[in-house]
């Protein structure tokens, strides 16, 4: 596994740690959405740049899952405000 593939997987780990740290009723949800989406997009870019199949596939699947979770969080926040 090369350096870019490892960075892509580290972005997923950072997203999971941020999710576990950002708990409670007083959390700024929009800041979490921005953080999760940026980490996921950066992870997807590094997964594509890794040029090896295994880290690229794992990085795209995991970072794509984080991006889908972020979209669902944005959707739920928009529904709850309307």
N, C-alpha and C. Protein backbone atom coordinates (compact mmCIF):
# COMPACT_ATOMS: atom_id res chain seq x y z
N UNK A 1 0.86 -1.17 0.00
CA UNK A 1 0.00 0.00 0.00
C UNK A 1 0.90 1.24 0.00
N UNK A 2 0.59 2.16 -0.86
CA UNK A 2 1.41 3.37 -0.94
C UNK A 2 0.89 4.45 0.00
N UNK A 3 1.59 5.58 -0.01
CA UNK A 3 1.30 6.65 0.94
C UNK A 3 -0.08 7.27 0.71
N UNK A 4 -0.48 7.44 -0.53
CA UNK A 4 -1.78 8.07 -0.80
C UNK A 4 -2.94 7.16 -0.42
N UNK A 5 -2.78 5.87 -0.62
CA UNK A 5 -3.82 4.94 -0.19
C UNK A 5 -3.96 4.92 1.32
N UNK A 6 -2.84 5.02 2.02
CA UNK A 6 -2.87 5.07 3.48
C UNK A 6 -3.52 6.36 3.97
N UNK A 7 -3.24 7.47 3.32
CA UNK A 7 -3.86 8.75 3.69
C UNK A 7 -5.38 8.69 3.47
N UNK A 8 -5.80 8.01 2.42
CA UNK A 8 -7.23 7.85 2.16
C UNK A 8 -7.91 7.09 3.30
N UNK A 9 -7.28 6.04 3.79
CA UNK A 9 -7.85 5.28 4.90
C UNK A 9 -7.78 6.05 6.21
N UNK A 10 -6.77 6.88 6.36
CA UNK A 10 -6.66 7.71 7.56
C UNK A 10 -7.81 8.72 7.61
N UNK A 11 -8.24 9.22 6.45
CA UNK A 11 -9.37 10.14 6.41
C UNK A 11 -10.65 9.49 6.93
N UNK A 12 -10.83 8.20 6.64
CA UNK A 12 -11.99 7.48 7.16
C UNK A 12 -11.90 7.35 8.67
N UNK A 13 -10.71 7.04 9.18
CA UNK A 13 -10.52 6.90 10.63
C UNK A 13 -10.76 8.24 11.32
N UNK A 14 -10.28 9.32 10.73
CA UNK A 14 -10.50 10.65 11.32
C UNK A 14 -11.99 10.98 11.32
N UNK A 15 -12.71 10.61 10.26
CA UNK A 15 -14.15 10.86 10.22
C UNK A 15 -14.88 10.09 11.32
N UNK A 16 -14.49 8.85 11.55
CA UNK A 16 -15.13 8.05 12.60
C UNK A 16 -14.83 8.64 13.97
N UNK A 17 -13.58 9.05 14.20
CA UNK A 17 -13.22 9.65 15.49
C UNK A 17 -13.97 10.97 15.69
N UNK A 18 -14.09 11.78 14.65
CA UNK A 18 -14.83 13.03 14.76
C UNK A 18 -16.31 12.77 15.06
N UNK A 19 -16.86 11.71 14.47
CA UNK A 19 -18.25 11.37 14.75
C UNK A 19 -18.43 10.98 16.21
N UNK A 20 -17.48 10.24 16.74
CA UNK A 20 -17.59 9.83 18.14
C UNK A 20 -17.36 10.99 19.10
N UNK A 21 -16.56 11.96 18.71
CA UNK A 21 -16.30 13.12 19.57
C UNK A 21 -17.42 14.16 19.51
N UNK A 22 -18.11 14.25 18.39
CA UNK A 22 -19.15 15.26 18.21
C UNK A 22 -20.51 14.68 18.56
N UNK A 23 -20.74 14.45 19.83
CA UNK A 23 -21.99 13.88 20.30
C UNK A 23 -22.66 14.84 21.27
N UNK A 24 -23.96 14.73 21.40
CA UNK A 24 -24.67 15.54 22.37
C UNK A 24 -25.64 16.51 21.73
N UNK A 25 -26.45 17.13 22.54
CA UNK A 25 -27.47 18.03 22.00
C UNK A 25 -26.93 19.40 21.58
N UNK A 26 -25.76 19.78 22.04
CA UNK A 26 -25.23 21.11 21.76
C UNK A 26 -24.23 21.13 20.61
N UNK A 27 -24.25 20.13 19.76
CA UNK A 27 -23.29 20.04 18.66
C UNK A 27 -23.78 20.85 17.48
N UNK A 28 -22.87 21.58 16.86
CA UNK A 28 -23.19 22.31 15.64
C UNK A 28 -23.21 21.32 14.48
N UNK A 29 -24.39 20.98 14.01
CA UNK A 29 -24.54 19.93 13.00
C UNK A 29 -23.95 20.38 11.67
N UNK A 30 -24.10 21.63 11.33
CA UNK A 30 -23.57 22.11 10.05
C UNK A 30 -22.05 22.06 10.01
N UNK A 31 -21.39 22.31 11.13
CA UNK A 31 -19.93 22.17 11.17
C UNK A 31 -19.54 20.71 10.96
N UNK A 32 -20.30 19.80 11.54
CA UNK A 32 -20.04 18.37 11.35
C UNK A 32 -20.24 17.96 9.90
N UNK A 33 -21.27 18.49 9.26
CA UNK A 33 -21.51 18.17 7.85
C UNK A 33 -20.36 18.66 6.99
N UNK A 34 -19.88 19.85 7.26
CA UNK A 34 -18.75 20.39 6.49
C UNK A 34 -17.49 19.57 6.72
N UNK A 35 -17.21 19.22 7.97
CA UNK A 35 -16.01 18.43 8.29
C UNK A 35 -16.08 17.06 7.64
N UNK A 36 -17.22 16.37 7.76
CA UNK A 36 -17.35 15.03 7.18
C UNK A 36 -17.24 15.05 5.66
N UNK A 37 -17.87 16.05 5.03
CA UNK A 37 -17.83 16.09 3.58
C UNK A 37 -16.43 16.43 3.07
N UNK A 38 -15.74 17.35 3.72
CA UNK A 38 -14.38 17.68 3.30
C UNK A 38 -13.43 16.50 3.47
N UNK A 39 -13.50 15.83 4.62
CA UNK A 39 -12.64 14.67 4.84
C UNK A 39 -12.93 13.56 3.84
N UNK A 40 -14.21 13.37 3.53
CA UNK A 40 -14.58 12.32 2.58
C UNK A 40 -14.11 12.65 1.18
N UNK A 41 -14.27 13.88 0.75
CA UNK A 41 -13.84 14.26 -0.60
C UNK A 41 -12.33 14.19 -0.72
N UNK A 42 -11.61 14.63 0.30
CA UNK A 42 -10.15 14.52 0.29
C UNK A 42 -9.73 13.06 0.26
N UNK A 43 -10.42 12.21 1.02
CA UNK A 43 -10.11 10.78 1.02
C UNK A 43 -10.38 10.14 -0.32
N UNK A 44 -11.45 10.54 -1.00
CA UNK A 44 -11.75 9.99 -2.32
C UNK A 44 -10.69 10.43 -3.33
N UNK A 45 -10.25 11.67 -3.24
CA UNK A 45 -9.19 12.15 -4.15
C UNK A 45 -7.91 11.37 -3.93
N UNK A 46 -7.52 11.16 -2.68
CA UNK A 46 -6.30 10.40 -2.40
C UNK A 46 -6.45 8.94 -2.81
N UNK A 47 -7.65 8.38 -2.70
CA UNK A 47 -7.86 6.99 -3.14
C UNK A 47 -7.70 6.88 -4.64
N UNK A 48 -8.20 7.84 -5.39
CA UNK A 48 -8.05 7.80 -6.84
C UNK A 48 -6.60 8.00 -7.25
N UNK A 49 -5.88 8.86 -6.53
CA UNK A 49 -4.48 9.12 -6.86
C UNK A 49 -3.54 8.00 -6.44
N UNK A 50 -4.02 7.02 -5.68
CA UNK A 50 -3.12 5.98 -5.18
C UNK A 50 -2.66 5.03 -6.27
N UNK A 51 -3.43 4.85 -7.34
CA UNK A 51 -3.07 4.05 -8.51
C UNK A 51 -2.93 2.55 -8.25
N UNK A 52 -3.23 2.08 -7.05
CA UNK A 52 -3.25 0.65 -6.76
C UNK A 52 -4.70 0.24 -6.53
N UNK A 53 -5.06 -0.95 -6.96
CA UNK A 53 -6.47 -1.36 -6.93
C UNK A 53 -7.02 -1.55 -5.52
N UNK A 54 -6.25 -2.18 -4.65
CA UNK A 54 -6.78 -2.49 -3.32
C UNK A 54 -7.03 -1.23 -2.49
N UNK A 55 -6.04 -0.33 -2.32
CA UNK A 55 -6.35 0.88 -1.55
C UNK A 55 -7.37 1.79 -2.24
N UNK A 56 -7.38 1.77 -3.58
CA UNK A 56 -8.34 2.59 -4.29
C UNK A 56 -9.77 2.09 -4.02
N UNK A 57 -9.96 0.79 -4.10
CA UNK A 57 -11.29 0.22 -3.88
C UNK A 57 -11.75 0.42 -2.45
N UNK A 58 -10.89 0.09 -1.50
CA UNK A 58 -11.25 0.24 -0.08
C UNK A 58 -11.49 1.70 0.26
N UNK A 59 -10.62 2.58 -0.21
CA UNK A 59 -10.76 4.01 0.07
C UNK A 59 -12.02 4.60 -0.55
N UNK A 60 -12.34 4.20 -1.78
CA UNK A 60 -13.56 4.72 -2.41
C UNK A 60 -14.81 4.22 -1.71
N UNK A 61 -14.83 2.96 -1.31
CA UNK A 61 -16.02 2.42 -0.65
C UNK A 61 -16.22 3.07 0.72
N UNK A 62 -15.15 3.14 1.51
CA UNK A 62 -15.29 3.69 2.87
C UNK A 62 -15.56 5.20 2.85
N UNK A 63 -14.84 5.94 2.02
CA UNK A 63 -15.08 7.38 1.95
C UNK A 63 -16.41 7.69 1.28
N UNK A 64 -16.83 6.85 0.35
CA UNK A 64 -18.16 7.00 -0.22
C UNK A 64 -19.24 6.76 0.81
N UNK A 65 -19.02 5.81 1.71
CA UNK A 65 -19.97 5.58 2.80
C UNK A 65 -20.07 6.77 3.73
N UNK A 66 -18.94 7.38 4.03
CA UNK A 66 -18.95 8.58 4.87
C UNK A 66 -19.68 9.72 4.15
N UNK A 67 -19.49 9.84 2.85
CA UNK A 67 -20.15 10.89 2.08
C UNK A 67 -21.67 10.66 2.02
N UNK A 68 -22.09 9.40 1.90
CA UNK A 68 -23.53 9.09 1.92
C UNK A 68 -24.11 9.39 3.30
N UNK A 69 -23.38 9.04 4.36
CA UNK A 69 -23.82 9.37 5.72
C UNK A 69 -23.97 10.88 5.88
N UNK A 70 -23.03 11.64 5.34
CA UNK A 70 -23.09 13.10 5.43
C UNK A 70 -24.30 13.64 4.67
N UNK A 71 -24.58 13.07 3.50
CA UNK A 71 -25.76 13.51 2.75
C UNK A 71 -27.04 13.22 3.52
N UNK A 72 -27.13 12.04 4.14
CA UNK A 72 -28.31 11.71 4.93
C UNK A 72 -28.45 12.62 6.14
N UNK A 73 -27.33 12.99 6.75
CA UNK A 73 -27.36 13.93 7.87
C UNK A 73 -27.83 15.30 7.42
N UNK A 74 -27.38 15.75 6.26
CA UNK A 74 -27.83 17.03 5.70
C UNK A 74 -29.32 16.97 5.36
N UNK A 75 -29.76 15.86 4.81
CA UNK A 75 -31.17 15.69 4.49
C UNK A 75 -32.04 15.70 5.74
N UNK A 76 -31.61 15.01 6.77
CA UNK A 76 -32.38 14.96 8.03
C UNK A 76 -32.41 16.34 8.70
N UNK A 77 -31.31 17.08 8.61
CA UNK A 77 -31.29 18.42 9.19
C UNK A 77 -32.23 19.35 8.43
N UNK A 78 -32.26 19.23 7.12
CA UNK A 78 -33.17 20.05 6.32
C UNK A 78 -34.63 19.71 6.56
N UNK A 79 -34.93 18.44 6.73
CA UNK A 79 -36.32 18.03 7.00
C UNK A 79 -36.77 18.50 8.36
N UNK A 80 -35.88 18.44 9.35
CA UNK A 80 -36.28 18.82 10.70
C UNK A 80 -36.49 20.33 10.85
N UNK A 81 -35.89 21.13 9.98
CA UNK A 81 -36.06 22.57 10.06
C UNK A 81 -37.29 23.06 9.33
N UNK A 82 -37.82 22.28 8.42
CA UNK A 82 -38.97 22.75 7.64
C UNK A 82 -40.29 22.44 8.32
